[in-house]
Amino acid sequence: MAWDDIPDWAETVSNALLQALRERDPYTYGHCRRVARNASLLAKAAGLNVYDRKVVEFSSIFHDLGKIGIPDRVLLKSGPLTMEEEKIMRIHPIKSVEILEPLSNLPFFRDLIPGIRHHHERMDGLGYPDGVKGDEIPLSARIILVADTFDAMTTTRPYRKGRAHDHAYKELKQFSGRQFDAQLVKIFLKAHPTWGDIEEDISEEFVAATYRRAA
């Protein structure tokens, strides 16, 4: 596939869906934007071509879109999830794919599906939803997982303060080869400190207010 295989309205669609997510869950909206930025930069650092980098970027934008369909009592819970709640949360990659399915007749949007569905798979096969492992996991999904996990660890939620970058780097390195693609972790650890911070348009106060509303 080439750059001109990407529909010129893809950006418009992504912005519309992101705004819907922003109203539903502002934290996840900001998370998807940050993950998309870091995953795209990781894909570039890993040597992917322009088209494949765009696939990674848009897959990242949509990777948690299915959380729109997760009940507030689970999605916005201010504390650890029970086993039953975790089971509900784990269907979000499938829901993300279902939301995007009407566009999958187009090659570009069809190429987004593997990264979205498999972004919680692990190299050791202990991930979800399908339990695939190693090179069976699409490269786009392996890239998203690194960026996704780093952002989850380093951002503040109303019930948990974000960890320092150095702490997150150590976690990625510790689970390299088991949870994460070892080569991608190596590339990320070298490149990420040079990328700078992403500009935010969602305040912590706005996120906290949403959680209070759901409480």
Protein backbone atom coordinates (compact mmCIF):
# COMPACT_ATOMS: atom_id res chain seq x y z
CA MET A 1 0.00 0.00 0.00
CA ALA A 2 1.08 3.58 -0.58
CA TRP A 3 0.38 7.00 0.92
CA ASP A 4 -2.33 7.73 -1.68
CA ASP A 5 -4.26 4.65 -0.51
CA ILE A 6 -5.20 6.57 2.65
CA PRO A 7 -8.60 8.31 2.18
CA ASP A 8 -8.34 12.10 2.37
CA TRP A 9 -11.23 12.08 4.85
CA ALA A 10 -9.58 9.64 7.27
CA GLU A 11 -8.43 12.50 9.51
CA THR A 12 -11.96 13.91 9.64
CA VAL A 13 -13.40 10.55 10.68
CA SER A 14 -10.75 10.08 13.36
CA ASN A 15 -11.39 13.55 14.80
CA ALA A 16 -15.15 12.93 14.90
CA LEU A 17 -14.74 9.61 16.71
CA LEU A 18 -12.21 11.10 19.10
CA GLN A 19 -14.60 13.90 20.02
CA ALA A 20 -17.26 11.30 20.83
CA LEU A 21 -14.71 9.55 23.04
CA ARG A 22 -13.73 12.87 24.62
CA GLU A 23 -17.31 13.42 25.78
CA ARG A 24 -17.58 9.85 27.09
CA ASP A 25 -14.19 9.57 28.80
CA PRO A 26 -11.74 12.49 28.62
CA TYR A 27 -8.86 10.50 30.07
CA THR A 28 -9.09 7.84 27.34
CA TYR A 29 -9.36 10.57 24.71
CA GLY A 30 -6.09 12.14 25.84
CA HIS A 31 -4.53 8.71 26.24
CA CYS A 32 -5.35 7.76 22.64
CA ARG A 33 -3.84 10.99 21.33
CA ARG A 34 -0.62 10.49 23.29
CA VAL A 35 -0.33 6.83 22.36
CA ALA A 36 -0.88 7.65 18.68
CA ARG A 37 1.90 10.22 18.78
CA ASN A 38 4.41 8.00 20.56
CA ALA A 39 3.51 4.87 18.59
CA SER A 40 3.94 6.76 15.32
CA LEU A 41 7.36 8.01 16.41
CA LEU A 42 8.33 4.51 17.55
CA ALA A 43 7.26 3.11 14.18
CA LYS A 44 9.45 5.71 12.47
CA ALA A 45 12.41 4.91 14.72
CA ALA A 46 11.89 1.21 13.92
CA GLY A 47 12.21 1.95 10.20
CA LEU A 48 8.61 1.50 9.03
CA ASN A 49 7.61 3.20 5.78
CA VAL A 50 5.23 6.18 5.68
CA TYR A 51 2.11 4.11 4.95
CA ASP A 52 2.80 1.61 7.74
CA ARG A 53 3.52 4.46 10.17
CA LYS A 54 0.10 5.92 9.34
CA VAL A 55 -1.47 2.51 9.97
CA VAL A 56 0.18 2.47 13.41
CA GLU A 57 -0.90 6.06 14.11
CA PHE A 58 -4.56 5.54 13.20
CA SER A 59 -4.71 2.12 14.87
CA SER A 60 -3.47 3.84 18.04
CA ILE A 61 -6.08 6.60 17.72
CA PHE A 62 -8.83 3.97 17.61
CA HIS A 63 -7.29 1.31 19.88
CA ASP A 64 -9.42 2.17 22.95
CA LEU A 65 -12.48 3.46 21.11
CA GLY A 66 -14.42 0.42 22.30
CA LYS A 67 -14.31 1.78 25.83
CA ILE A 68 -17.28 3.89 24.75
CA GLY A 69 -19.26 0.67 25.19
CA ILE A 70 -17.92 -0.19 28.66
CA PRO A 71 -20.32 0.63 31.55
CA ASP A 72 -19.39 3.65 33.69
CA ARG A 73 -19.22 1.49 36.82
CA VAL A 74 -16.28 -0.32 35.22
CA LEU A 75 -14.72 2.30 32.94
CA LEU A 76 -14.71 5.09 35.52
CA LYS A 77 -14.21 3.03 38.66
CA SER A 78 -11.85 4.83 41.03
CA GLY A 79 -9.94 1.78 42.15
CA PRO A 80 -8.84 -1.73 41.19
CA LEU A 81 -11.25 -3.82 39.11
CA THR A 82 -12.72 -7.08 40.33
CA MET A 83 -12.18 -10.21 38.24
CA GLU A 84 -15.64 -9.82 36.73
CA GLU A 85 -15.05 -6.14 35.95
CA GLU A 86 -11.67 -6.99 34.41
CA LYS A 87 -13.44 -9.52 32.17
CA ILE A 88 -15.80 -6.78 31.00
CA MET A 89 -12.93 -4.36 30.39
CA ARG A 90 -11.05 -6.92 28.31
CA ILE A 91 -13.68 -6.88 25.59
CA HIS A 92 -12.80 -3.29 24.63
CA PRO A 93 -10.40 -4.23 21.78
CA ILE A 94 -13.19 -6.27 20.16
CA LYS A 95 -15.65 -3.41 20.63
CA SER A 96 -13.12 -1.02 19.04
CA VAL A 97 -12.97 -3.28 15.98
CA GLU A 98 -16.77 -3.49 15.84
CA ILE A 99 -17.07 0.30 15.79
CA LEU A 100 -14.61 0.53 12.91
CA GLU A 101 -16.02 -2.48 11.02
CA PRO A 102 -18.32 -0.46 8.70
CA LEU A 103 -15.21 1.17 7.20
CA SER A 104 -13.26 -2.07 6.78
CA ASN A 105 -14.30 -2.43 3.13
CA LEU A 106 -11.64 0.21 2.48
CA PRO A 107 -8.08 -1.19 2.43
CA PHE A 108 -6.60 1.44 4.76
CA PHE A 109 -9.21 0.98 7.46
CA ARG A 110 -9.03 -2.81 7.03
CA ASP A 111 -5.29 -2.58 7.73
CA LEU A 112 -6.05 -0.92 11.08
CA ILE A 113 -7.99 -3.90 12.45
CA PRO A 114 -5.06 -6.18 13.46
CA GLY A 115 -3.30 -3.50 15.54
CA ILE A 116 -6.54 -2.51 17.25
CA ARG A 117 -7.68 -6.05 18.05
CA HIS A 118 -4.32 -7.31 19.29
CA HIS A 119 -2.86 -4.34 21.18
CA HIS A 120 -3.16 -6.21 24.50
CA GLU A 121 -1.53 -9.43 23.33
CA ARG A 122 1.77 -10.42 24.98
CA MET A 123 4.92 -11.96 23.55
CA ASP A 124 4.51 -14.90 25.96
CA GLY A 125 0.93 -15.56 24.82
CA LEU A 126 -0.70 -14.48 28.09
CA GLY A 127 -2.43 -11.43 26.61
CA TYR A 128 -5.94 -10.96 25.22
CA PRO A 129 -8.35 -11.26 23.44
CA ASP A 130 -6.88 -14.18 21.44
CA GLY A 131 -3.76 -15.26 23.33
CA VAL A 132 -1.48 -15.11 20.29
CA LYS A 133 2.24 -14.81 20.96
CA GLY A 134 5.58 -13.73 19.53
CA ASP A 135 5.65 -12.96 15.83
CA GLU A 136 2.01 -14.05 15.56
CA ILE A 137 1.17 -10.66 17.06
CA PRO A 138 0.94 -8.01 14.31
CA LEU A 139 3.85 -5.57 14.38
CA SER A 140 1.48 -2.61 14.67
CA ALA A 141 -0.03 -4.15 17.84
CA ARG A 142 3.42 -4.75 19.35
CA ILE A 143 4.30 -1.10 18.74
CA ILE A 144 1.03 0.14 20.22
CA LEU A 145 1.49 -2.00 23.35
CA VAL A 146 4.80 -0.34 24.19
CA ALA A 147 3.41 3.19 23.72
CA ASP A 148 0.13 2.27 25.43
CA THR A 149 1.78 0.80 28.52
CA PHE A 150 4.25 3.66 28.87
CA ASP A 151 1.43 6.22 28.79
CA ALA A 152 -0.70 4.24 31.24
CA MET A 153 2.19 4.16 33.70
CA THR A 154 3.22 7.81 33.40
CA THR A 155 -0.12 9.66 33.41
CA THR A 156 -2.05 10.66 36.50
CA ARG A 157 -5.54 9.36 37.16
CA PRO A 158 -7.87 10.67 39.91
CA TYR A 159 -6.99 7.60 42.00
CA ARG A 160 -3.30 7.16 41.06
CA LYS A 161 -0.38 9.49 40.47
CA GLY A 162 1.60 8.91 37.30
CA ARG A 163 5.06 7.38 37.65
CA ALA A 164 8.32 8.99 36.54
CA HIS A 165 9.65 8.20 33.08
CA ASP A 166 12.67 6.40 34.52
CA HIS A 167 10.40 4.08 36.48
CA ALA A 168 8.38 3.29 33.34
CA TYR A 169 11.57 2.67 31.36
CA LYS A 170 12.65 0.10 33.98
CA GLU A 171 9.26 -1.63 33.81
CA LEU A 172 9.43 -1.88 30.01
CA LYS A 173 12.94 -3.30 30.22
CA GLN A 174 11.99 -5.75 32.98
CA PHE A 175 9.15 -7.26 30.94
CA SER A 176 10.96 -7.05 27.61
CA GLY A 177 10.67 -10.36 25.77
CA ARG A 178 7.81 -11.56 27.97
CA GLN A 179 5.15 -8.89 27.58
CA PHE A 180 6.84 -6.61 25.05
CA ASP A 181 8.80 -7.06 21.84
CA ALA A 182 12.41 -6.82 23.05
CA GLN A 183 13.70 -5.00 19.96
CA LEU A 184 10.91 -2.42 20.10
CA VAL A 185 11.60 -1.77 23.79
CA LYS A 186 15.27 -1.24 22.98
CA ILE A 187 14.38 1.26 20.24
CA PHE A 188 11.83 3.04 22.46
CA LEU A 189 14.22 3.42 25.40
CA LYS A 190 16.83 4.98 23.14
CA ALA A 191 14.51 7.25 21.16
CA HIS A 192 11.78 8.35 23.59
CA PRO A 193 13.90 10.79 25.67
CA THR A 194 14.48 12.81 22.47
CA TRP A 195 10.81 13.24 21.57
CA GLY A 196 9.71 15.83 24.14
CA ASP A 197 6.27 16.05 25.74
CA ILE A 198 2.97 16.13 23.86
CA GLU A 199 0.83 19.23 24.23
CA GLU A 200 -2.27 18.51 26.30
CA ASP A 201 -5.78 19.91 25.81
CA ILE A 202 -7.44 17.97 28.64
CA SER A 203 -6.80 19.21 32.16
CA GLU A 204 -6.55 16.93 35.19
CA GLU A 205 -9.43 18.90 36.69
CA PHE A 206 -11.67 18.01 33.73
CA VAL A 207 -10.80 14.33 34.06
CA ALA A 208 -11.39 14.36 37.81
CA ALA A 209 -14.77 16.05 37.35
CA THR A 210 -15.85 13.27 34.99
CA TYR A 211 -14.95 10.61 37.56
CA ARG A 212 -16.83 12.48 40.29
CA ARG A 213 -19.87 12.63 38.01
CA ALA A 214 -19.77 8.86 37.54
CA ALA A 215 -19.24 8.10 41.23
